[in-house]
Amino acid sequence: MPSVAFYGSTEIPLTRKELRLARGICASCPVQRSCMIASLRGRERYGVWGGIDEKTRRRLLRAYKDWRAVIDYIDAVNAERTRSA
């Protein structure tokens, strides 16, 4: 998989296959949460960071305004998924 799937590019959008693969790798990464926080805090513009692509980051940051509120939301969603499983 090309590194562009993780780091992104202004010229080459990710394919659905690349996005799925990158998210799958992120899901088993021991620093996934830290990476996601860094991408939200730093407002990364491109690529998949901590399992979240640029479109999702923009949408979440618009909805919640602050990266800490986004993390709280994601933690709540993950906790609900764990309880439901």
C-alpha atoms as a PDB file:
ATOM      1  CA  MET A   1       0.000   0.000   0.000  1.00  0.00           C
ATOM      2  CA  PRO A   2       1.438   3.381  -0.900  1.00  0.00           C
ATOM      3  CA  SER A   3       2.297   5.703   1.976  1.00  0.00           C
ATOM      4  CA  VAL A   4      -0.075   8.264   0.452  1.00  0.00           C
ATOM      5  CA  ALA A   5      -2.892   6.221   2.040  1.00  0.00           C
ATOM      6  CA  PHE A   6      -1.629   7.263   5.450  1.00  0.00           C
ATOM      7  CA  TYR A   7      -0.168  10.674   4.775  1.00  0.00           C
ATOM      8  CA  GLY A   8      -2.497  11.812   2.057  1.00  0.00           C
ATOM      9  CA  SER A   9      -1.992  14.042  -0.895  1.00  0.00           C
ATOM     10  CA  THR A  10      -3.608  17.161  -2.229  1.00  0.00           C
ATOM     11  CA  GLU A  11      -3.500  15.651  -5.716  1.00  0.00           C
ATOM     12  CA  ILE A  12      -4.420  11.995  -5.270  1.00  0.00           C
ATOM     13  CA  PRO A  13      -7.579  11.166  -3.299  1.00  0.00           C
ATOM     14  CA  LEU A  14      -7.629   7.870  -1.437  1.00  0.00           C
ATOM     15  CA  THR A  15      -9.506   5.006  -2.991  1.00  0.00           C
ATOM     16  CA  ARG A  16     -12.062   3.200  -0.847  1.00  0.00           C
ATOM     17  CA  LYS A  17      -9.780   0.174  -0.821  1.00  0.00           C
ATOM     18  CA  GLU A  18      -6.802   2.227   0.439  1.00  0.00           C
ATOM     19  CA  LEU A  19      -8.961   3.866   3.078  1.00  0.00           C
ATOM     20  CA  ARG A  20     -10.262   0.500   4.337  1.00  0.00           C
ATOM     21  CA  LEU A  21      -6.751  -0.918   4.440  1.00  0.00           C
ATOM     22  CA  ALA A  22      -5.329   2.078   6.302  1.00  0.00           C
ATOM     23  CA  ARG A  23      -8.170   2.001   8.841  1.00  0.00           C
ATOM     24  CA  GLY A  24      -7.627  -1.724   9.351  1.00  0.00           C
ATOM     25  CA  ILE A  25      -3.950  -1.170  10.076  1.00  0.00           C
ATOM     26  CA  CYS A  26      -4.781   1.684  12.439  1.00  0.00           C
ATOM     27  CA  ALA A  27      -7.291  -0.471  14.319  1.00  0.00           C
ATOM     28  CA  SER A  28      -4.555  -2.799  15.558  1.00  0.00           C
ATOM     29  CA  CYS A  29      -1.900  -0.130  16.126  1.00  0.00           C
ATOM     30  CA  PRO A  30      -0.838   0.396  19.762  1.00  0.00           C
ATOM     31  CA  VAL A  31      -0.597   4.188  19.290  1.00  0.00           C
ATOM     32  CA  GLN A  32      -3.855   4.584  17.389  1.00  0.00           C
ATOM     33  CA  ARG A  33      -5.517   6.811  19.979  1.00  0.00           C
ATOM     34  CA  SER A  34      -2.436   9.037  20.389  1.00  0.00           C
ATOM     35  CA  CYS A  35      -2.157   9.371  16.625  1.00  0.00           C
ATOM     36  CA  MET A  36      -5.832  10.285  16.336  1.00  0.00           C
ATOM     37  CA  ILE A  37      -5.496  12.901  19.095  1.00  0.00           C
ATOM     38  CA  ALA A  38      -2.417  14.402  17.429  1.00  0.00           C
ATOM     39  CA  SER A  39      -4.235  14.635  14.095  1.00  0.00           C
ATOM     40  CA  LEU A  40      -7.240  16.367  15.647  1.00  0.00           C
ATOM     41  CA  ARG A  41      -5.160  18.663  17.804  1.00  0.00           C
ATOM     42  CA  GLY A  42      -2.873  19.583  14.913  1.00  0.00           C
ATOM     43  CA  ARG A  43      -5.769  19.729  12.449  1.00  0.00           C
ATOM     44  CA  GLU A  44      -4.007  17.447   9.975  1.00  0.00           C
ATOM     45  CA  ARG A  45      -5.363  18.227   6.536  1.00  0.00           C
ATOM     46  CA  TYR A  46      -4.525  15.018   4.697  1.00  0.00           C
ATOM     47  CA  GLY A  47      -4.321  11.280   5.174  1.00  0.00           C
ATOM     48  CA  VAL A  48      -5.488   8.701   7.672  1.00  0.00           C
ATOM     49  CA  TRP A  49      -4.336   9.308  11.228  1.00  0.00           C
ATOM     50  CA  GLY A  50      -5.482   7.081  14.057  1.00  0.00           C
ATOM     51  CA  GLY A  51      -8.068   5.513  11.766  1.00  0.00           C
ATOM     52  CA  ILE A  52      -9.722   8.810  10.846  1.00  0.00           C
ATOM     53  CA  ASP A  53      -9.523  10.265   7.342  1.00  0.00           C
ATOM     54  CA  GLU A  54      -9.443  13.962   6.511  1.00  0.00           C
ATOM     55  CA  LYS A  55     -13.145  14.238   5.658  1.00  0.00           C
ATOM     56  CA  THR A  56     -14.162  12.674   8.966  1.00  0.00           C
ATOM     57  CA  ARG A  57     -11.755  14.901  10.914  1.00  0.00           C
ATOM     58  CA  ARG A  58     -13.134  18.033   9.254  1.00  0.00           C
ATOM     59  CA  ARG A  59     -16.729  16.952   9.903  1.00  0.00           C
ATOM     60  CA  LEU A  60     -16.057  16.148  13.568  1.00  0.00           C
ATOM     61  CA  LEU A  61     -14.114  19.342  14.206  1.00  0.00           C
ATOM     62  CA  ARG A  62     -16.868  21.434  12.597  1.00  0.00           C
ATOM     63  CA  ALA A  63     -19.523  19.707  14.705  1.00  0.00           C
ATOM     64  CA  TYR A  64     -17.665  19.835  18.020  1.00  0.00           C
ATOM     65  CA  LYS A  65     -15.374  22.871  17.522  1.00  0.00           C
ATOM     66  CA  ASP A  66     -12.715  21.583  19.949  1.00  0.00           C
ATOM     67  CA  TRP A  67     -10.522  18.496  19.534  1.00  0.00           C
ATOM     68  CA  ARG A  68     -11.094  17.510  23.191  1.00  0.00           C
ATOM     69  CA  ALA A  69     -14.846  17.342  22.614  1.00  0.00           C
ATOM     70  CA  VAL A  70     -14.264  15.131  19.564  1.00  0.00           C
ATOM     71  CA  ILE A  71     -12.176  12.727  21.674  1.00  0.00           C
ATOM     72  CA  ASP A  72     -14.908  12.632  24.331  1.00  0.00           C
ATOM     73  CA  TYR A  73     -17.456  11.811  21.629  1.00  0.00           C
ATOM     74  CA  ILE A  74     -15.283   9.066  20.108  1.00  0.00           C
ATOM     75  CA  ASP A  75     -14.591   7.572  23.550  1.00  0.00           C
ATOM     76  CA  ALA A  76     -18.340   7.504  24.279  1.00  0.00           C
ATOM     77  CA  VAL A  77     -19.086   5.794  20.949  1.00  0.00           C
ATOM     78  CA  ASN A  78     -16.365   3.205  21.562  1.00  0.00           C
ATOM     79  CA  ALA A  79     -17.610   2.543  25.096  1.00  0.00           C
ATOM     80  CA  GLU A  80     -21.153   1.988  23.781  1.00  0.00           C
ATOM     81  CA  ARG A  81     -19.853  -0.412  21.127  1.00  0.00           C
ATOM     82  CA  THR A  82     -17.969  -2.357  23.796  1.00  0.00           C
ATOM     83  CA  ARG A  83     -21.084  -2.611  25.984  1.00  0.00           C
ATOM     84  CA  SER A  84     -23.193  -3.737  23.026  1.00  0.00           C
ATOM     85  CA  ALA A  85     -20.744  -6.448  21.931  1.00  0.00           C
END
